[in-house]
PDB file of N, CA and C in Angstrom:
ATOM      1  N   MET A   1     -10.604  -0.200  13.189  1.00  0.00           N
ATOM      2  CA  MET A   1      -9.185   0.002  13.026  1.00  0.00           C
ATOM      3  C   MET A   1      -8.833   1.405  13.505  1.00  0.00           C
ATOM      4  N   SER A   2      -7.878   1.538  14.373  1.00  0.00           N
ATOM      5  CA  SER A   2      -7.525   2.840  14.902  1.00  0.00           C
ATOM      6  C   SER A   2      -6.638   3.596  13.923  1.00  0.00           C
ATOM      7  N   VAL A   3      -6.525   4.883  14.162  1.00  0.00           N
ATOM      8  CA  VAL A   3      -5.685   5.725  13.307  1.00  0.00           C
ATOM      9  C   VAL A   3      -4.237   5.278  13.395  1.00  0.00           C
ATOM     10  N   ASN A   4      -3.781   4.965  14.614  1.00  0.00           N
ATOM     11  CA  ASN A   4      -2.390   4.525  14.785  1.00  0.00           C
ATOM     12  C   ASN A   4      -2.123   3.240  14.020  1.00  0.00           C
ATOM     13  N   THR A   5      -3.078   2.321  14.032  1.00  0.00           N
ATOM     14  CA  THR A   5      -2.913   1.066  13.307  1.00  0.00           C
ATOM     15  C   THR A   5      -2.828   1.341  11.811  1.00  0.00           C
ATOM     16  N   ASN A   6      -3.700   2.213  11.310  1.00  0.00           N
ATOM     17  CA  ASN A   6      -3.667   2.565   9.895  1.00  0.00           C
ATOM     18  C   ASN A   6      -2.349   3.231   9.517  1.00  0.00           C
ATOM     19  N   LEU A   7      -1.874   4.117  10.380  1.00  0.00           N
ATOM     20  CA  LEU A   7      -0.599   4.790  10.099  1.00  0.00           C
ATOM     21  C   LEU A   7       0.558   3.794  10.072  1.00  0.00           C
ATOM     22  N   ARG A   8       0.548   2.871  11.030  1.00  0.00           N
ATOM     23  CA  ARG A   8       1.605   1.853  11.051  1.00  0.00           C
ATOM     24  C   ARG A   8       1.570   0.994   9.807  1.00  0.00           C
ATOM     25  N   LYS A   9       0.365   0.567   9.407  1.00  0.00           N
ATOM     26  CA  LYS A   9       0.233  -0.268   8.216  1.00  0.00           C
ATOM     27  C   LYS A   9       0.675   0.489   6.972  1.00  0.00           C
ATOM     28  N   ALA A  10       0.325   1.749   6.881  1.00  0.00           N
ATOM     29  CA  ALA A  10       0.738   2.552   5.730  1.00  0.00           C
ATOM     30  C   ALA A  10       2.258   2.710   5.712  1.00  0.00           C
ATOM     31  N   ALA A  11       2.836   2.979   6.860  1.00  0.00           N
ATOM     32  CA  ALA A  11       4.292   3.133   6.936  1.00  0.00           C
ATOM     33  C   ALA A  11       4.995   1.830   6.564  1.00  0.00           C
ATOM     34  N   LEU A  12       4.470   0.710   7.035  1.00  0.00           N
ATOM     35  CA  LEU A  12       5.071  -0.586   6.688  1.00  0.00           C
ATOM     36  C   LEU A  12       4.952  -0.864   5.191  1.00  0.00           C
ATOM     37  N   ALA A  13       3.819  -0.537   4.613  1.00  0.00           N
ATOM     38  CA  ALA A  13       3.622  -0.774   3.187  1.00  0.00           C
ATOM     39  C   ALA A  13       4.549   0.102   2.355  1.00  0.00           C
ATOM     40  N   ILE A  14       4.688   1.358   2.746  1.00  0.00           N
ATOM     41  CA  ILE A  14       5.588   2.262   2.016  1.00  0.00           C
ATOM     42  C   ILE A  14       7.023   1.791   2.152  1.00  0.00           C
ATOM     43  N   ASP A  15       7.399   1.369   3.343  1.00  0.00           N
ATOM     44  CA  ASP A  15       8.750   0.847   3.558  1.00  0.00           C
ATOM     45  C   ASP A  15       8.998  -0.395   2.702  1.00  0.00           C
ATOM     46  N   ALA A  16       7.994  -1.266   2.600  1.00  0.00           N
ATOM     47  CA  ALA A  16       8.136  -2.472   1.770  1.00  0.00           C
ATOM     48  C   ALA A  16       8.321  -2.098   0.302  1.00  0.00           C
ATOM     49  N   LEU A  17       7.601  -1.083  -0.158  1.00  0.00           N
ATOM     50  CA  LEU A  17       7.772  -0.640  -1.546  1.00  0.00           C
ATOM     51  C   LEU A  17       9.176  -0.072  -1.772  1.00  0.00           C
ATOM     52  N   ARG A  18       9.674   0.662  -0.799  1.00  0.00           N
ATOM     53  CA  ARG A  18      11.038   1.204  -0.934  1.00  0.00           C
ATOM     54  C   ARG A  18      12.066   0.085  -0.985  1.00  0.00           C
ATOM     55  N   ARG A  19      11.899  -0.916  -0.113  1.00  0.00           N
ATOM     56  CA  ARG A  19      12.832  -2.052  -0.130  1.00  0.00           C
ATOM     57  C   ARG A  19      12.754  -2.802  -1.453  1.00  0.00           C
ATOM     58  N   SER A  20      11.542  -2.960  -1.973  1.00  0.00           N
ATOM     59  CA  SER A  20      11.396  -3.676  -3.240  1.00  0.00           C
ATOM     60  C   SER A  20      12.005  -2.874  -4.378  1.00  0.00           C
ATOM     61  N   GLN A  21      11.938  -1.550  -4.283  1.00  0.00           N
ATOM     62  CA  GLN A  21      12.557  -0.719  -5.316  1.00  0.00           C
ATOM     63  C   GLN A  21      14.068  -0.926  -5.300  1.00  0.00           C
ATOM     64  N   ASP A  22      14.649  -0.979  -4.111  1.00  0.00           N
ATOM     65  CA  ASP A  22      16.086  -1.237  -3.999  1.00  0.00           C
ATOM     66  C   ASP A  22      16.428  -2.620  -4.529  1.00  0.00           C
ATOM     67  N   ALA A  23      15.605  -3.605  -4.180  1.00  0.00           N
ATOM     68  CA  ALA A  23      15.859  -4.973  -4.620  1.00  0.00           C
ATOM     69  C   ALA A  23      15.699  -5.105  -6.125  1.00  0.00           C
ATOM     70  N   SER A  24      14.735  -4.409  -6.692  1.00  0.00           N
ATOM     71  CA  SER A  24      14.509  -4.531  -8.140  1.00  0.00           C
ATOM     72  C   SER A  24      15.647  -3.898  -8.927  1.00  0.00           C
ATOM     73  N   ALA A  25      16.349  -2.941  -8.326  1.00  0.00           N
ATOM     74  CA  ALA A  25      17.498  -2.335  -9.005  1.00  0.00           C
ATOM     75  C   ALA A  25      18.621  -3.347  -9.189  1.00  0.00           C
ATOM     76  N   ASN A  26      18.647  -4.375  -8.326  1.00  0.00           N
ATOM     77  CA  ASN A  26      19.703  -5.387  -8.399  1.00  0.00           C
ATOM     78  C   ASN A  26      19.339  -6.570  -9.293  1.00  0.00           C
ATOM     79  N   LEU A  27      18.141  -6.593  -9.846  1.00  0.00           N
ATOM     80  CA  LEU A  27      17.730  -7.700 -10.703  1.00  0.00           C
ATOM     81  C   LEU A  27      18.372  -7.592 -12.078  1.00  0.00           C
ATOM     82  N   LYS A  28      18.597  -8.732 -12.672  1.00  0.00           N
ATOM     83  CA  LYS A  28      19.110  -8.752 -14.031  1.00  0.00           C
ATOM     84  C   LYS A  28      18.024  -8.262 -14.982  1.00  0.00           C
ATOM     85  N   PRO A  29      18.425  -7.627 -16.075  1.00  0.00           N
ATOM     86  CA  PRO A  29      17.430  -7.256 -17.081  1.00  0.00           C
ATOM     87  C   PRO A  29      16.770  -8.509 -17.661  1.00  0.00           C
ATOM     88  N   LEU A  30      15.523  -8.363 -18.105  1.00  0.00           N
ATOM     89  CA  LEU A  30      14.788  -9.519 -18.631  1.00  0.00           C
ATOM     90  C   LEU A  30      15.460 -10.136 -19.845  1.00  0.00           C
ATOM     91  N   ALA A  31      16.225  -9.360 -20.593  1.00  0.00           N
ATOM     92  CA  ALA A  31      16.871  -9.881 -21.802  1.00  0.00           C
ATOM     93  C   ALA A  31      18.027 -10.833 -21.478  1.00  0.00           C
ATOM     94  N   MET A  32      18.529 -10.803 -20.255  1.00  0.00           N
ATOM     95  CA  MET A  32      19.655 -11.667 -19.875  1.00  0.00           C
ATOM     96  C   MET A  32      19.131 -13.025 -19.415  1.00  0.00           C
ATOM     97  N   PRO A  33      19.897 -14.079 -19.702  1.00  0.00           N
ATOM     98  CA  PRO A  33      19.485 -15.399 -19.206  1.00  0.00           C
ATOM     99  C   PRO A  33      19.527 -15.442 -17.676  1.00  0.00           C
ATOM    100  N   MET A  34      18.535 -16.157 -17.089  1.00  0.00           N
ATOM    101  CA  MET A  34      18.453 -16.249 -15.630  1.00  0.00           C
ATOM    102  C   MET A  34      18.283 -17.700 -15.206  1.00  0.00           C
ATOM    103  N   SER A  35      18.801 -17.979 -14.037  1.00  0.00           N
ATOM    104  CA  SER A  35      18.622 -19.313 -13.470  1.00  0.00           C
ATOM    105  C   SER A  35      17.195 -19.427 -12.935  1.00  0.00           C
ATOM    106  N   ASP A  36      16.806 -20.654 -12.619  1.00  0.00           N
ATOM    107  CA  ASP A  36      15.476 -20.853 -12.043  1.00  0.00           C
ATOM    108  C   ASP A  36      15.324 -20.086 -10.730  1.00  0.00           C
ATOM    109  N   ASP A  37      16.384 -20.041  -9.950  1.00  0.00           N
ATOM    110  CA  ASP A  37      16.334 -19.325  -8.674  1.00  0.00           C
ATOM    111  C   ASP A  37      16.143 -17.822  -8.897  1.00  0.00           C
ATOM    112  N   GLU A  38      16.833 -17.277  -9.881  1.00  0.00           N
ATOM    113  CA  GLU A  38      16.676 -15.848 -10.180  1.00  0.00           C
ATOM    114  C   GLU A  38      15.263 -15.541 -10.683  1.00  0.00           C
ATOM    115  N   LEU A  39      14.717 -16.420 -11.490  1.00  0.00           N
ATOM    116  CA  LEU A  39      13.348 -16.240 -11.975  1.00  0.00           C
ATOM    117  C   LEU A  39      12.346 -16.311 -10.818  1.00  0.00           C
ATOM    118  N   ARG A  40      12.589 -17.246  -9.891  1.00  0.00           N
ATOM    119  CA  ARG A  40      11.722 -17.375  -8.723  1.00  0.00           C
ATOM    120  C   ARG A  40      11.794 -16.119  -7.868  1.00  0.00           C
ATOM    121  N   GLN A  41      12.999 -15.604  -7.632  1.00  0.00           N
ATOM    122  CA  GLN A  41      13.164 -14.390  -6.832  1.00  0.00           C
ATOM    123  C   GLN A  41      12.461 -13.200  -7.493  1.00  0.00           C
ATOM    124  N   ARG A  42      12.577 -13.103  -8.803  1.00  0.00           N
ATOM    125  CA  ARG A  42      11.915 -12.023  -9.534  1.00  0.00           C
ATOM    126  C   ARG A  42      10.396 -12.129  -9.362  1.00  0.00           C
ATOM    127  N   ALA A  43       9.871 -13.335  -9.516  1.00  0.00           N
ATOM    128  CA  ALA A  43       8.427 -13.544  -9.380  1.00  0.00           C
ATOM    129  C   ALA A  43       7.961 -13.218  -7.961  1.00  0.00           C
ATOM    130  N   GLU A  44       8.730 -13.615  -6.955  1.00  0.00           N
ATOM    131  CA  GLU A  44       8.370 -13.313  -5.565  1.00  0.00           C
ATOM    132  C   GLU A  44       8.368 -11.806  -5.313  1.00  0.00           C
ATOM    133  N   LEU A  45       9.359 -11.120  -5.858  1.00  0.00           N
ATOM    134  CA  LEU A  45       9.429  -9.672  -5.680  1.00  0.00           C
ATOM    135  C   LEU A  45       8.228  -8.984  -6.328  1.00  0.00           C
ATOM    136  N   ILE A  46       7.883  -9.405  -7.527  1.00  0.00           N
ATOM    137  CA  ILE A  46       6.728  -8.828  -8.222  1.00  0.00           C
ATOM    138  C   ILE A  46       5.455  -9.083  -7.428  1.00  0.00           C
ATOM    139  N   GLU A  47       5.308 -10.286  -6.904  1.00  0.00           N
ATOM    140  CA  GLU A  47       4.125 -10.621  -6.109  1.00  0.00           C
ATOM    141  C   GLU A  47       4.045  -9.748  -4.851  1.00  0.00           C
ATOM    142  N   LYS A  48       5.175  -9.538  -4.178  1.00  0.00           N
ATOM    143  CA  LYS A  48       5.195  -8.706  -2.972  1.00  0.00           C
ATOM    144  C   LYS A  48       4.814  -7.264  -3.293  1.00  0.00           C
ATOM    145  N   VAL A  49       5.316  -6.756  -4.396  1.00  0.00           N
ATOM    146  CA  VAL A  49       4.997  -5.376  -4.788  1.00  0.00           C
ATOM    147  C   VAL A  49       3.505  -5.244  -5.073  1.00  0.00           C
ATOM    148  N   ILE A  50       2.943  -6.208  -5.786  1.00  0.00           N
ATOM    149  CA  ILE A  50       1.513  -6.163  -6.105  1.00  0.00           C
ATOM    150  C   ILE A  50       0.681  -6.231  -4.833  1.00  0.00           C
ATOM    151  N   ARG A  51       1.038  -7.133  -3.915  1.00  0.00           N
ATOM    152  CA  ARG A  51       0.298  -7.239  -2.650  1.00  0.00           C
ATOM    153  C   ARG A  51       0.397  -5.947  -1.834  1.00  0.00           C
ATOM    154  N   THR A  52       1.582  -5.358  -1.810  1.00  0.00           N
ATOM    155  CA  THR A  52       1.782  -4.128  -1.052  1.00  0.00           C
ATOM    156  C   THR A  52       0.976  -2.983  -1.655  1.00  0.00           C
ATOM    157  N   ARG A  53       0.965  -2.884  -2.967  1.00  0.00           N
ATOM    158  CA  ARG A  53       0.165  -1.839  -3.615  1.00  0.00           C
ATOM    159  C   ARG A  53      -1.317  -2.029  -3.327  1.00  0.00           C
ATOM    160  N   ASP A  54      -1.761  -3.266  -3.325  1.00  0.00           N
ATOM    161  CA  ASP A  54      -3.163  -3.544  -2.998  1.00  0.00           C
ATOM    162  C   ASP A  54      -3.492  -3.100  -1.572  1.00  0.00           C
ATOM    163  N   LYS A  55      -2.576  -3.383  -0.643  1.00  0.00           N
ATOM    164  CA  LYS A  55      -2.793  -2.969   0.747  1.00  0.00           C
ATOM    165  C   LYS A  55      -2.842  -1.449   0.874  1.00  0.00           C
ATOM    166  N   LEU A  56      -1.958  -0.763   0.166  1.00  0.00           N
ATOM    167  CA  LEU A  56      -1.976   0.696   0.206  1.00  0.00           C
ATOM    168  C   LEU A  56      -3.273   1.247  -0.373  1.00  0.00           C
ATOM    169  N   LYS A  57      -3.760   0.623  -1.432  1.00  0.00           N
ATOM    170  CA  LYS A  57      -5.027   1.062  -2.022  1.00  0.00           C
ATOM    171  C   LYS A  57      -6.171   0.861  -1.033  1.00  0.00           C
ATOM    172  N   LEU A  58      -6.181  -0.271  -0.340  1.00  0.00           N
ATOM    173  CA  LEU A  58      -7.218  -0.506   0.670  1.00  0.00           C
ATOM    174  C   LEU A  58      -7.171   0.547   1.775  1.00  0.00           C
ATOM    175  N   LEU A  59      -5.962   0.874   2.230  1.00  0.00           N
ATOM    176  CA  LEU A  59      -5.815   1.888   3.268  1.00  0.00           C
ATOM    177  C   LEU A  59      -6.267   3.258   2.766  1.00  0.00           C
ATOM    178  N   ARG A  60      -5.905   3.574   1.528  1.00  0.00           N
ATOM    179  CA  ARG A  60      -6.310   4.856   0.956  1.00  0.00           C
ATOM    180  C   ARG A  60      -7.832   4.931   0.819  1.00  0.00           C
ATOM    181  N   ASP A  61      -8.433   3.848   0.325  1.00  0.00           N
ATOM    182  CA  ASP A  61      -9.892   3.806   0.199  1.00  0.00           C
ATOM    183  C   ASP A  61     -10.568   3.930   1.553  1.00  0.00           C
ATOM    184  N   ARG A  62     -10.043   3.250   2.542  1.00  0.00           N
ATOM    185  CA  ARG A  62     -10.605   3.314   3.899  1.00  0.00           C
ATOM    186  C   ARG A  62     -10.503   4.737   4.444  1.00  0.00           C
ATOM    187  N   SER A  63      -9.373   5.369   4.199  1.00  0.00           N
ATOM    188  CA  SER A  63      -9.178   6.739   4.647  1.00  0.00           C
ATOM    189  C   SER A  63     -10.189   7.679   3.991  1.00  0.00           C
ATOM    190  N   GLU A  64     -10.420   7.504   2.710  1.00  0.00           N
ATOM    191  CA  GLU A  64     -11.403   8.337   2.006  1.00  0.00           C
ATOM    192  C   GLU A  64     -12.810   8.094   2.543  1.00  0.00           C
ATOM    193  N   ASP A  65     -13.142   6.836   2.816  1.00  0.00           N
ATOM    194  CA  ASP A  65     -14.455   6.517   3.384  1.00  0.00           C
ATOM    195  C   ASP A  65     -14.641   7.173   4.747  1.00  0.00           C
ATOM    196  N   LEU A  66     -13.603   7.110   5.572  1.00  0.00           N
ATOM    197  CA  LEU A  66     -13.682   7.719   6.899  1.00  0.00           C
ATOM    198  C   LEU A  66     -13.800   9.240   6.804  1.00  0.00           C
ATOM    199  N   ARG A  67     -13.066   9.828   5.873  1.00  0.00           N
ATOM    200  CA  ARG A  67     -13.144  11.277   5.683  1.00  0.00           C
ATOM    201  C   ARG A  67     -14.555  11.680   5.252  1.00  0.00           C
ATOM    202  N   ALA A  68     -15.145  10.929   4.339  1.00  0.00           N
ATOM    203  CA  ALA A  68     -16.512  11.218   3.888  1.00  0.00           C
ATOM    204  C   ALA A  68     -17.507  11.062   5.042  1.00  0.00           C
ATOM    205  N   ALA A  69     -17.335  10.031   5.852  1.00  0.00           N
ATOM    206  CA  ALA A  69     -18.228   9.826   6.999  1.00  0.00           C
ATOM    207  C   ALA A  69     -18.094  10.977   7.996  1.00  0.00           C
ATOM    208  N   LEU A  70     -16.882  11.433   8.214  1.00  0.00           N
ATOM    209  CA  LEU A  70     -16.670  12.556   9.122  1.00  0.00           C
ATOM    210  C   LEU A  70     -17.340  13.818   8.585  1.00  0.00           C
ATOM    211  N   ASN A  71     -17.220  14.045   7.295  1.00  0.00           N
ATOM    212  CA  ASN A  71     -17.866  15.218   6.696  1.00  0.00           C
ATOM    213  C   ASN A  71     -19.386  15.135   6.827  1.00  0.00           C
ATOM    214  N   ARG A  72     -19.963  13.953   6.618  1.00  0.00           N
ATOM    215  CA  ARG A  72     -21.407  13.776   6.782  1.00  0.00           C
ATOM    216  C   ARG A  72     -21.819  14.049   8.230  1.00  0.00           C
ATOM    217  N   PHE A  73     -21.007  13.567   9.158  1.00  0.00           N
ATOM    218  CA  PHE A  73     -21.287  13.796  10.571  1.00  0.00           C
ATOM    219  C   PHE A  73     -21.282  15.297  10.886  1.00  0.00           C
ATOM    220  N   LYS A  74     -20.286  16.008  10.381  1.00  0.00           N
ATOM    221  CA  LYS A  74     -20.189  17.443  10.651  1.00  0.00           C
ATOM    222  C   LYS A  74     -21.381  18.196  10.070  1.00  0.00           C
ATOM    223  N   VAL A  75     -21.793  17.822   8.875  1.00  0.00           N
ATOM    224  CA  VAL A  75     -22.960  18.467   8.262  1.00  0.00           C
ATOM    225  C   VAL A  75     -24.205  18.208   9.101  1.00  0.00           C
ATOM    226  N   ARG A  76     -24.408  16.966   9.510  1.00  0.00           N
ATOM    227  CA  ARG A  76     -25.574  16.619  10.326  1.00  0.00           C
ATOM    228  C   ARG A  76     -25.540  17.349  11.670  1.00  0.00           C
ATOM    229  N   ARG A  77     -24.372  17.419  12.274  1.00  0.00           N
ATOM    230  CA  ARG A  77     -24.220  18.115  13.556  1.00  0.00           C
ATOM    231  C   ARG A  77     -24.544  19.605  13.395  1.00  0.00           C
ATOM    232  N   ASP A  78     -24.041  20.209  12.323  1.00  0.00           N
ATOM    233  CA  ASP A  78     -24.305  21.628  12.081  1.00  0.00           C
ATOM    234  C   ASP A  78     -25.783  21.886  11.839  1.00  0.00           C
ATOM    235  N   ARG A  79     -26.462  20.975  11.159  1.00  0.00           N
ATOM    236  CA  ARG A  79     -27.898  21.119  10.931  1.00  0.00           C
ATOM    237  C   ARG A  79     -28.667  21.053  12.256  1.00  0.00           C
ATOM    238  N   GLN A  80     -28.249  20.166  13.131  1.00  0.00           N
ATOM    239  CA  GLN A  80     -28.929  20.012  14.415  1.00  0.00           C
ATOM    240  C   GLN A  80     -28.723  21.246  15.291  1.00  0.00           C
ATOM    241  N   ARG A  81     -27.577  21.881  15.168  1.00  0.00           N
ATOM    242  CA  ARG A  81     -27.291  23.079  15.962  1.00  0.00           C
ATOM    243  C   ARG A  81     -28.102  24.275  15.468  1.00  0.00           C
ATOM    244  N   ALA A  82     -28.428  24.277  14.192  1.00  0.00           N
ATOM    245  CA  ALA A  82     -29.134  25.438  13.602  1.00  0.00           C
ATOM    246  C   ALA A  82     -30.593  25.477  13.963  1.00  0.00           C
TER     247      ALA A  82
END
């Protein structure tokens, strides 16, 4: 996965979270009665937020793994130069 691809995916995920935040502001409070359609929309929004957070976590974990690999490479390279 290239850096540009990771950046695009991260930007899309963050944008999706922002949109869901806007959409969740328009939802009725749980204490109010809701139609089946409103309940379905709420469930879909929650599912999208959970999936998006999972994707962001995967990207963050991948980024940390790559950073650690780069640090190991630099240490090994410096040892070889010495």
